[in-house]
N, C-alpha and C. Protein backbone atom coordinates (compact mmCIF):
# COMPACT_ATOMS: atom_id res chain seq x y z
N MET A 1 6.71 -18.79 -75.04
CA MET A 1 7.63 -17.69 -75.12
C MET A 1 6.90 -16.36 -75.11
N ARG A 2 5.65 -16.40 -75.49
CA ARG A 2 4.87 -15.17 -75.39
C ARG A 2 4.76 -14.72 -73.94
N ASN A 3 4.68 -15.69 -73.03
CA ASN A 3 4.63 -15.34 -71.61
C ASN A 3 5.89 -14.62 -71.18
N CYS A 4 7.02 -15.05 -71.72
CA CYS A 4 8.29 -14.40 -71.40
C CYS A 4 8.24 -12.93 -71.80
N ALA A 5 7.74 -12.65 -72.98
CA ALA A 5 7.66 -11.26 -73.43
C ALA A 5 6.76 -10.44 -72.52
N GLY A 6 5.65 -11.02 -72.10
CA GLY A 6 4.76 -10.33 -71.17
C GLY A 6 5.42 -10.06 -69.84
N ASP A 7 6.21 -11.05 -69.37
CA ASP A 7 6.94 -10.87 -68.12
C ASP A 7 7.97 -9.75 -68.25
N VAL A 8 8.68 -9.73 -69.38
CA VAL A 8 9.69 -8.68 -69.61
C VAL A 8 9.02 -7.31 -69.59
N ARG A 9 7.88 -7.19 -70.27
CA ARG A 9 7.17 -5.90 -70.29
C ARG A 9 6.77 -5.50 -68.86
N ALA A 10 6.24 -6.43 -68.09
CA ALA A 10 5.80 -6.12 -66.73
C ALA A 10 6.99 -5.70 -65.85
N ILE A 11 8.10 -6.41 -65.96
CA ILE A 11 9.28 -6.06 -65.16
C ILE A 11 9.79 -4.68 -65.55
N CYS A 12 9.88 -4.43 -66.87
CA CYS A 12 10.36 -3.12 -67.33
C CYS A 12 9.42 -2.00 -66.88
N ALA A 13 8.13 -2.23 -66.93
CA ALA A 13 7.17 -1.21 -66.47
C ALA A 13 7.37 -0.94 -64.98
N ALA A 14 7.53 -1.99 -64.20
CA ALA A 14 7.71 -1.82 -62.76
C ALA A 14 9.00 -1.06 -62.44
N LEU A 15 10.03 -1.28 -63.26
CA LEU A 15 11.32 -0.63 -63.02
C LEU A 15 11.47 0.67 -63.82
N LYS A 16 10.42 1.05 -64.53
CA LYS A 16 10.40 2.27 -65.34
C LYS A 16 11.50 2.27 -66.41
N ILE A 17 11.68 1.12 -67.04
CA ILE A 17 12.63 0.97 -68.15
C ILE A 17 11.84 1.07 -69.44
N ASP A 18 12.22 2.02 -70.32
CA ASP A 18 11.45 2.19 -71.55
C ASP A 18 12.20 1.76 -72.81
N ARG A 19 13.47 1.39 -72.67
CA ARG A 19 14.27 0.87 -73.79
C ARG A 19 15.16 -0.21 -73.23
N LEU A 20 15.32 -1.28 -74.00
CA LEU A 20 15.99 -2.45 -73.45
C LEU A 20 16.84 -3.13 -74.51
N LEU A 21 18.03 -3.57 -74.10
CA LEU A 21 18.88 -4.45 -74.90
C LEU A 21 18.76 -5.83 -74.26
N THR A 22 18.60 -6.87 -75.06
CA THR A 22 18.47 -8.21 -74.50
C THR A 22 19.47 -9.14 -75.16
N TRP A 23 19.86 -10.18 -74.42
CA TRP A 23 20.71 -11.21 -74.99
C TRP A 23 20.45 -12.51 -74.26
N GLY A 24 20.66 -13.60 -74.97
CA GLY A 24 20.45 -14.91 -74.38
C GLY A 24 21.39 -15.93 -74.98
N ILE A 25 21.69 -16.93 -74.18
CA ILE A 25 22.58 -18.01 -74.60
C ILE A 25 21.82 -19.32 -74.51
N SER A 26 22.02 -20.18 -75.49
CA SER A 26 21.44 -21.52 -75.51
C SER A 26 19.91 -21.42 -75.43
N GLY A 27 19.31 -22.04 -74.43
CA GLY A 27 17.86 -22.03 -74.31
C GLY A 27 17.28 -20.66 -74.06
N GLY A 28 18.11 -19.69 -73.68
CA GLY A 28 17.63 -18.32 -73.52
C GLY A 28 17.46 -17.59 -74.84
N GLY A 29 18.12 -18.11 -75.90
CA GLY A 29 18.05 -17.47 -77.21
C GLY A 29 16.64 -17.32 -77.77
N PRO A 30 15.84 -18.39 -77.79
CA PRO A 30 14.49 -18.25 -78.31
C PRO A 30 13.65 -17.23 -77.52
N HIS A 31 13.87 -17.14 -76.21
CA HIS A 31 13.13 -16.18 -75.40
C HIS A 31 13.52 -14.74 -75.77
N VAL A 32 14.81 -14.53 -75.99
CA VAL A 32 15.29 -13.21 -76.39
C VAL A 32 14.70 -12.81 -77.75
N LEU A 33 14.72 -13.74 -78.69
CA LEU A 33 14.20 -13.44 -80.02
C LEU A 33 12.70 -13.20 -79.99
N ALA A 34 11.97 -13.99 -79.20
CA ALA A 34 10.53 -13.78 -79.07
C ALA A 34 10.24 -12.43 -78.43
N THR A 35 11.01 -12.08 -77.40
CA THR A 35 10.81 -10.80 -76.73
C THR A 35 11.05 -9.65 -77.71
N ALA A 36 12.12 -9.75 -78.48
CA ALA A 36 12.41 -8.69 -79.46
C ALA A 36 11.31 -8.60 -80.52
N ALA A 37 10.82 -9.74 -80.97
CA ALA A 37 9.79 -9.74 -82.01
C ALA A 37 8.45 -9.22 -81.48
N LEU A 38 8.13 -9.54 -80.24
CA LEU A 38 6.82 -9.18 -79.69
C LEU A 38 6.79 -7.82 -79.00
N LEU A 39 7.97 -7.27 -78.71
CA LEU A 39 8.04 -5.98 -78.01
C LEU A 39 8.94 -5.00 -78.76
N PRO A 40 8.68 -4.74 -80.02
CA PRO A 40 9.59 -3.86 -80.79
C PRO A 40 9.65 -2.43 -80.25
N ASP A 41 8.62 -2.00 -79.55
CA ASP A 41 8.63 -0.65 -78.97
C ASP A 41 9.55 -0.56 -77.75
N LEU A 42 9.89 -1.69 -77.16
CA LEU A 42 10.70 -1.74 -75.94
C LEU A 42 12.12 -2.22 -76.22
N VAL A 43 12.24 -3.29 -77.00
CA VAL A 43 13.54 -3.92 -77.25
C VAL A 43 14.18 -3.28 -78.48
N VAL A 44 15.31 -2.59 -78.26
CA VAL A 44 15.99 -1.90 -79.35
C VAL A 44 17.09 -2.74 -79.98
N ALA A 45 17.53 -3.80 -79.29
CA ALA A 45 18.53 -4.71 -79.84
C ALA A 45 18.44 -6.04 -79.10
N ALA A 46 18.76 -7.11 -79.83
CA ALA A 46 18.74 -8.44 -79.24
C ALA A 46 19.88 -9.26 -79.82
N ALA A 47 20.48 -10.10 -78.99
CA ALA A 47 21.54 -11.00 -79.44
C ALA A 47 21.27 -12.39 -78.88
N SER A 48 21.50 -13.38 -79.71
CA SER A 48 21.31 -14.77 -79.32
C SER A 48 22.55 -15.55 -79.70
N LEU A 49 23.11 -16.29 -78.75
CA LEU A 49 24.33 -17.07 -78.97
C LEU A 49 24.03 -18.54 -78.72
N ALA A 50 24.40 -19.38 -79.66
CA ALA A 50 24.27 -20.83 -79.51
C ALA A 50 22.83 -21.24 -79.20
N SER A 51 21.89 -20.67 -79.89
CA SER A 51 20.47 -20.91 -79.64
C SER A 51 19.95 -22.06 -80.49
N PRO A 52 19.09 -22.90 -79.92
CA PRO A 52 18.51 -23.97 -80.73
C PRO A 52 17.46 -23.42 -81.70
N ALA A 53 17.24 -24.19 -82.76
CA ALA A 53 16.17 -23.87 -83.72
C ALA A 53 14.83 -24.25 -83.09
N PRO A 54 13.75 -23.75 -83.64
CA PRO A 54 12.43 -24.18 -83.14
C PRO A 54 12.23 -25.67 -83.41
N TYR A 55 11.89 -26.43 -82.39
CA TYR A 55 11.72 -27.87 -82.55
C TYR A 55 10.48 -28.16 -83.39
N GLY A 56 10.65 -29.02 -84.37
CA GLY A 56 9.54 -29.43 -85.21
C GLY A 56 9.17 -28.45 -86.31
N ALA A 57 9.95 -27.38 -86.48
CA ALA A 57 9.64 -26.40 -87.52
C ALA A 57 9.90 -27.02 -88.90
N GLU A 58 8.97 -26.80 -89.79
CA GLU A 58 9.05 -27.36 -91.13
C GLU A 58 10.31 -26.87 -91.84
N GLY A 59 11.04 -27.82 -92.44
CA GLY A 59 12.21 -27.48 -93.23
C GLY A 59 13.49 -27.28 -92.42
N LEU A 60 13.42 -27.40 -91.09
CA LEU A 60 14.62 -27.22 -90.27
C LEU A 60 15.05 -28.55 -89.66
N ASP A 61 16.35 -28.78 -89.66
CA ASP A 61 16.91 -29.92 -88.95
C ASP A 61 17.28 -29.42 -87.55
N TYR A 62 16.50 -29.81 -86.58
CA TYR A 62 16.67 -29.32 -85.21
C TYR A 62 18.09 -29.55 -84.69
N TYR A 63 18.72 -30.63 -85.10
CA TYR A 63 20.03 -31.00 -84.55
C TYR A 63 21.21 -30.48 -85.37
N GLN A 64 20.97 -29.92 -86.54
CA GLN A 64 22.07 -29.47 -87.40
C GLN A 64 22.88 -28.38 -86.71
N GLY A 65 24.19 -28.58 -86.64
CA GLY A 65 25.07 -27.60 -86.04
C GLY A 65 25.13 -27.66 -84.52
N MET A 66 24.36 -28.54 -83.91
CA MET A 66 24.33 -28.64 -82.46
C MET A 66 25.47 -29.54 -81.99
N GLY A 67 26.08 -29.21 -80.86
CA GLY A 67 27.11 -30.05 -80.27
C GLY A 67 26.55 -31.44 -79.97
N GLN A 68 27.37 -32.48 -80.14
CA GLN A 68 26.90 -33.86 -80.00
C GLN A 68 26.33 -34.15 -78.61
N LEU A 69 26.91 -33.58 -77.57
CA LEU A 69 26.39 -33.83 -76.22
C LEU A 69 24.96 -33.30 -76.10
N ASN A 70 24.68 -32.14 -76.69
CA ASN A 70 23.32 -31.61 -76.69
C ASN A 70 22.39 -32.50 -77.51
N VAL A 71 22.85 -32.97 -78.66
CA VAL A 71 22.03 -33.87 -79.48
C VAL A 71 21.64 -35.09 -78.66
N ASP A 72 22.63 -35.69 -78.01
CA ASP A 72 22.37 -36.88 -77.20
C ASP A 72 21.39 -36.58 -76.07
N ASP A 73 21.57 -35.44 -75.40
CA ASP A 73 20.68 -35.08 -74.29
C ASP A 73 19.26 -34.82 -74.76
N TYR A 74 19.09 -34.10 -75.86
CA TYR A 74 17.74 -33.84 -76.38
C TYR A 74 17.05 -35.14 -76.79
N LYS A 75 17.79 -36.00 -77.49
CA LYS A 75 17.19 -37.27 -77.91
C LYS A 75 16.79 -38.11 -76.71
N LEU A 76 17.61 -38.11 -75.67
CA LEU A 76 17.25 -38.82 -74.44
C LEU A 76 15.98 -38.22 -73.84
N TYR A 77 15.89 -36.91 -73.81
CA TYR A 77 14.70 -36.24 -73.26
C TYR A 77 13.44 -36.66 -74.02
N PHE A 78 13.50 -36.66 -75.34
CA PHE A 78 12.33 -37.00 -76.14
C PHE A 78 11.97 -38.49 -76.02
N ARG A 79 12.97 -39.33 -75.70
CA ARG A 79 12.75 -40.77 -75.58
C ARG A 79 12.35 -41.19 -74.17
N ASP A 80 12.98 -40.57 -73.13
CA ASP A 80 12.76 -41.03 -71.75
C ASP A 80 13.00 -39.85 -70.79
N LYS A 81 11.92 -39.14 -70.47
CA LYS A 81 12.03 -37.92 -69.66
C LYS A 81 12.60 -38.21 -68.27
N ALA A 82 12.24 -39.33 -67.66
CA ALA A 82 12.76 -39.65 -66.32
C ALA A 82 14.28 -39.87 -66.36
N ALA A 83 14.76 -40.58 -67.37
CA ALA A 83 16.20 -40.81 -67.52
C ALA A 83 16.92 -39.49 -67.80
N ALA A 84 16.29 -38.63 -68.60
CA ALA A 84 16.89 -37.33 -68.89
C ALA A 84 17.00 -36.50 -67.61
N ARG A 85 15.97 -36.51 -66.77
CA ARG A 85 15.99 -35.76 -65.50
C ARG A 85 17.13 -36.27 -64.61
N ALA A 86 17.29 -37.59 -64.54
CA ALA A 86 18.37 -38.17 -63.73
C ALA A 86 19.73 -37.76 -64.28
N LYS A 87 19.86 -37.72 -65.61
CA LYS A 87 21.14 -37.31 -66.21
C LYS A 87 21.44 -35.85 -65.90
N VAL A 88 20.41 -35.00 -65.96
CA VAL A 88 20.61 -33.58 -65.63
C VAL A 88 21.13 -33.45 -64.20
N ASP A 89 20.55 -34.21 -63.29
CA ASP A 89 20.99 -34.15 -61.89
C ASP A 89 22.45 -34.57 -61.76
N THR A 90 22.83 -35.65 -62.44
CA THR A 90 24.22 -36.12 -62.42
C THR A 90 25.15 -35.09 -63.07
N ASP A 91 24.74 -34.56 -64.22
CA ASP A 91 25.56 -33.56 -64.92
C ASP A 91 25.79 -32.33 -64.04
N ARG A 92 24.76 -31.90 -63.32
CA ARG A 92 24.89 -30.73 -62.45
C ARG A 92 25.95 -30.99 -61.39
N GLU A 93 25.91 -32.14 -60.75
CA GLU A 93 26.90 -32.44 -59.71
C GLU A 93 28.30 -32.52 -60.28
N GLU A 94 28.45 -33.08 -61.47
CA GLU A 94 29.76 -33.14 -62.12
C GLU A 94 30.27 -31.74 -62.45
N MET A 95 29.37 -30.86 -62.91
CA MET A 95 29.76 -29.49 -63.23
C MET A 95 30.25 -28.77 -61.97
N LEU A 96 29.56 -28.97 -60.87
CA LEU A 96 29.94 -28.30 -59.62
C LEU A 96 31.28 -28.81 -59.10
N ALA A 97 31.63 -30.06 -59.40
CA ALA A 97 32.89 -30.63 -58.92
C ALA A 97 34.05 -30.37 -59.89
N ALA A 98 33.76 -29.85 -61.07
CA ALA A 98 34.78 -29.68 -62.11
C ALA A 98 35.66 -28.46 -61.86
N THR A 99 36.86 -28.53 -62.41
CA THR A 99 37.76 -27.37 -62.40
C THR A 99 37.28 -26.38 -63.46
N PRO A 100 37.73 -25.11 -63.40
CA PRO A 100 37.35 -24.15 -64.45
C PRO A 100 37.72 -24.64 -65.85
N GLU A 101 38.87 -25.27 -65.99
CA GLU A 101 39.28 -25.77 -67.30
C GLU A 101 38.34 -26.87 -67.78
N GLU A 102 37.91 -27.75 -66.87
CA GLU A 102 36.98 -28.83 -67.24
C GLU A 102 35.62 -28.26 -67.63
N VAL A 103 35.18 -27.21 -66.95
CA VAL A 103 33.89 -26.60 -67.30
C VAL A 103 33.98 -25.99 -68.70
N THR A 104 35.08 -25.28 -68.98
CA THR A 104 35.23 -24.68 -70.31
C THR A 104 35.25 -25.76 -71.38
N THR A 105 35.96 -26.86 -71.15
CA THR A 105 35.99 -27.97 -72.11
C THR A 105 34.58 -28.55 -72.30
N LEU A 106 33.84 -28.71 -71.21
CA LEU A 106 32.47 -29.22 -71.30
C LEU A 106 31.60 -28.27 -72.11
N LEU A 107 31.70 -26.97 -71.83
CA LEU A 107 30.90 -26.00 -72.56
C LEU A 107 31.24 -26.04 -74.05
N GLN A 108 32.54 -26.18 -74.37
CA GLN A 108 32.93 -26.25 -75.78
C GLN A 108 32.32 -27.47 -76.46
N SER A 109 32.18 -28.58 -75.71
CA SER A 109 31.62 -29.79 -76.30
C SER A 109 30.13 -29.65 -76.57
N LEU A 110 29.48 -28.68 -75.97
CA LEU A 110 28.05 -28.47 -76.16
C LEU A 110 27.75 -27.61 -77.38
N LEU A 111 28.77 -26.97 -77.92
CA LEU A 111 28.57 -25.97 -78.98
C LEU A 111 28.95 -26.51 -80.34
N SER A 112 28.44 -25.85 -81.35
CA SER A 112 28.88 -26.15 -82.71
C SER A 112 30.31 -25.64 -82.86
N GLY A 113 30.99 -26.04 -83.92
CA GLY A 113 32.37 -25.63 -84.15
C GLY A 113 32.60 -24.13 -84.11
N PRO A 114 31.82 -23.35 -84.88
CA PRO A 114 32.04 -21.90 -84.87
C PRO A 114 31.79 -21.26 -83.49
N ASP A 115 30.78 -21.75 -82.77
CA ASP A 115 30.52 -21.20 -81.44
C ASP A 115 31.64 -21.57 -80.47
N ALA A 116 32.11 -22.82 -80.53
CA ALA A 116 33.18 -23.26 -79.64
C ALA A 116 34.47 -22.48 -79.91
N ALA A 117 34.71 -22.11 -81.17
CA ALA A 117 35.93 -21.40 -81.53
C ALA A 117 36.04 -20.04 -80.85
N VAL A 118 34.93 -19.41 -80.53
CA VAL A 118 34.98 -18.09 -79.89
C VAL A 118 34.90 -18.18 -78.37
N LEU A 119 34.82 -19.40 -77.84
CA LEU A 119 34.74 -19.58 -76.39
C LEU A 119 36.15 -19.54 -75.79
N THR A 120 36.71 -18.33 -75.71
CA THR A 120 38.06 -18.13 -75.21
C THR A 120 38.07 -16.90 -74.31
N GLY A 121 39.15 -16.74 -73.58
CA GLY A 121 39.39 -15.52 -72.80
C GLY A 121 38.27 -15.16 -71.86
N ASP A 122 37.92 -13.86 -71.88
CA ASP A 122 36.91 -13.34 -70.96
C ASP A 122 35.55 -14.01 -71.14
N LEU A 123 35.17 -14.31 -72.39
CA LEU A 123 33.89 -14.96 -72.64
C LEU A 123 33.87 -16.36 -72.01
N ALA A 124 34.94 -17.11 -72.18
CA ALA A 124 35.01 -18.45 -71.58
C ALA A 124 34.92 -18.36 -70.06
N GLU A 125 35.64 -17.41 -69.48
CA GLU A 125 35.61 -17.26 -68.02
C GLU A 125 34.21 -16.89 -67.54
N TYR A 126 33.58 -15.94 -68.23
CA TYR A 126 32.23 -15.52 -67.84
C TYR A 126 31.24 -16.69 -67.92
N LEU A 127 31.27 -17.43 -69.03
CA LEU A 127 30.33 -18.54 -69.20
C LEU A 127 30.60 -19.66 -68.21
N GLU A 128 31.87 -19.92 -67.92
CA GLU A 128 32.21 -20.95 -66.93
C GLU A 128 31.65 -20.57 -65.57
N GLN A 129 31.87 -19.33 -65.16
CA GLN A 129 31.37 -18.87 -63.86
C GLN A 129 29.84 -18.88 -63.83
N SER A 130 29.21 -18.48 -64.93
CA SER A 130 27.75 -18.47 -65.01
C SER A 130 27.20 -19.89 -64.91
N ALA A 131 27.83 -20.83 -65.59
CA ALA A 131 27.36 -22.22 -65.56
C ALA A 131 27.45 -22.79 -64.15
N VAL A 132 28.56 -22.53 -63.47
CA VAL A 132 28.72 -23.05 -62.12
C VAL A 132 27.71 -22.40 -61.17
N ARG A 133 27.50 -21.07 -61.30
CA ARG A 133 26.50 -20.41 -60.45
C ARG A 133 25.11 -20.96 -60.72
N ALA A 134 24.77 -21.19 -61.98
CA ALA A 134 23.45 -21.72 -62.32
C ALA A 134 23.27 -23.12 -61.76
N CYS A 135 24.31 -23.95 -61.84
CA CYS A 135 24.22 -25.31 -61.29
C CYS A 135 24.06 -25.27 -59.78
N ALA A 136 24.78 -24.37 -59.13
CA ALA A 136 24.67 -24.25 -57.67
C ALA A 136 23.28 -23.78 -57.28
N ARG A 137 22.73 -22.82 -58.02
CA ARG A 137 21.38 -22.33 -57.73
C ARG A 137 20.37 -23.44 -57.94
N CYS A 138 20.53 -24.21 -59.00
CA CYS A 138 19.61 -25.31 -59.27
C CYS A 138 19.69 -26.35 -58.15
N ARG A 139 20.89 -26.62 -57.68
CA ARG A 139 21.04 -27.57 -56.57
C ARG A 139 20.28 -27.08 -55.34
N ARG A 140 20.38 -25.77 -55.06
CA ARG A 140 19.65 -25.22 -53.91
C ARG A 140 18.15 -25.33 -54.12
N LEU A 141 17.67 -25.05 -55.34
CA LEU A 141 16.24 -25.13 -55.62
C LEU A 141 15.75 -26.57 -55.51
N VAL A 142 16.50 -27.51 -56.09
CA VAL A 142 16.10 -28.91 -56.01
C VAL A 142 16.13 -29.36 -54.56
N GLY A 143 17.18 -28.99 -53.84
CA GLY A 143 17.26 -29.33 -52.42
C GLY A 143 16.11 -28.73 -51.64
N GLY A 144 15.71 -27.52 -52.02
CA GLY A 144 14.58 -26.86 -51.36
C GLY A 144 13.29 -27.61 -51.58
N ARG A 145 13.09 -28.10 -52.81
CA ARG A 145 11.87 -28.88 -53.07
C ARG A 145 11.88 -30.16 -52.25
N GLU A 146 13.06 -30.78 -52.15
CA GLU A 146 13.15 -32.01 -51.35
C GLU A 146 12.86 -31.72 -49.88
N ARG A 147 13.40 -30.61 -49.36
CA ARG A 147 13.12 -30.26 -47.96
C ARG A 147 11.64 -29.94 -47.77
N ALA A 148 11.03 -29.30 -48.77
CA ALA A 148 9.61 -28.97 -48.67
C ALA A 148 8.77 -30.24 -48.63
N ARG A 149 9.14 -31.24 -49.43
CA ARG A 149 8.41 -32.51 -49.41
C ARG A 149 8.51 -33.19 -48.05
N ARG A 150 9.64 -32.97 -47.37
CA ARG A 150 9.83 -33.58 -46.06
C ARG A 150 9.26 -32.71 -44.94
N GLY A 151 8.70 -31.55 -45.29
CA GLY A 151 8.07 -30.70 -44.28
C GLY A 151 8.99 -29.70 -43.61
N VAL A 152 10.18 -29.50 -44.16
CA VAL A 152 11.12 -28.52 -43.59
C VAL A 152 10.82 -27.17 -44.21
N GLY A 153 10.69 -26.13 -43.38
CA GLY A 153 10.35 -24.79 -43.89
C GLY A 153 11.43 -24.19 -44.76
N LEU A 154 11.02 -23.37 -45.71
CA LEU A 154 11.95 -22.70 -46.61
C LEU A 154 11.65 -21.21 -46.64
N ARG A 155 12.69 -20.45 -46.88
CA ARG A 155 12.50 -19.02 -47.15
C ARG A 155 12.66 -18.82 -48.64
N SER A 156 11.80 -18.03 -49.22
CA SER A 156 11.85 -17.77 -50.64
C SER A 156 12.52 -16.42 -50.89
N ARG A 157 13.41 -16.39 -51.87
CA ARG A 157 14.05 -15.14 -52.25
C ARG A 157 13.90 -14.97 -53.74
N GLY A 158 13.52 -13.77 -54.15
CA GLY A 158 13.41 -13.49 -55.57
C GLY A 158 14.40 -12.40 -55.95
N HIS A 159 14.92 -12.47 -57.15
CA HIS A 159 15.89 -11.48 -57.61
C HIS A 159 15.50 -11.01 -59.01
N ILE A 160 15.45 -9.73 -59.19
CA ILE A 160 15.24 -9.15 -60.51
C ILE A 160 16.41 -8.20 -60.75
N GLY A 161 17.08 -8.40 -61.84
CA GLY A 161 18.20 -7.53 -62.16
C GLY A 161 17.97 -6.82 -63.47
N ALA A 162 18.45 -5.63 -63.58
CA ALA A 162 18.33 -4.88 -64.84
C ALA A 162 19.57 -4.02 -65.02
N GLY A 163 20.07 -4.00 -66.23
CA GLY A 163 21.19 -3.13 -66.52
C GLY A 163 20.68 -1.75 -66.86
N PRO A 164 21.57 -0.86 -67.23
CA PRO A 164 21.15 0.50 -67.58
C PRO A 164 20.32 0.47 -68.86
N PRO A 165 19.44 1.45 -69.03
CA PRO A 165 18.67 1.50 -70.25
C PRO A 165 19.57 1.71 -71.47
N ALA A 166 19.06 1.31 -72.62
CA ALA A 166 19.83 1.47 -73.86
C ALA A 166 20.05 2.95 -74.14
N PRO A 167 21.21 3.28 -74.72
CA PRO A 167 21.44 4.69 -75.07
C PRO A 167 20.45 5.14 -76.14
N ARG A 168 20.11 6.39 -76.11
CA ARG A 168 19.16 6.95 -77.10
C ARG A 168 19.89 7.46 -78.30
């Protein structure tokens, strides 16, 4: 996660951003918190939603408060990485084929009770659309790796986005 903070600093320097608000959801939460802790001169506020605890941290139950589907997926990952990878691939295809209502229901099943309770309205719509876009992007990336293995040429595209600087 220290690398993430270094990347954030480099991107902000390149874009001439001197104050930053950050936020992250799920696995992005630890990166947001690390960035805020390691870059206090740059990050003026940080928010983390539905973020996992540090794995293996003394005195913490990594799975406490986590949605059961996430618990099952993490345990599968720690037990059998190949099976977990196959499940991720299947889950991605199911997410892409799901209706918006099914995606929202799936997202709610991944969250703890309090987090799921606020997954309504505009937030639910935003997260549903984000999840589908992320799954579609992942499908393209995985497909690209498969095409690369078969010798088919690929074009690479990179995207960096930044919102307005934090108010002073």
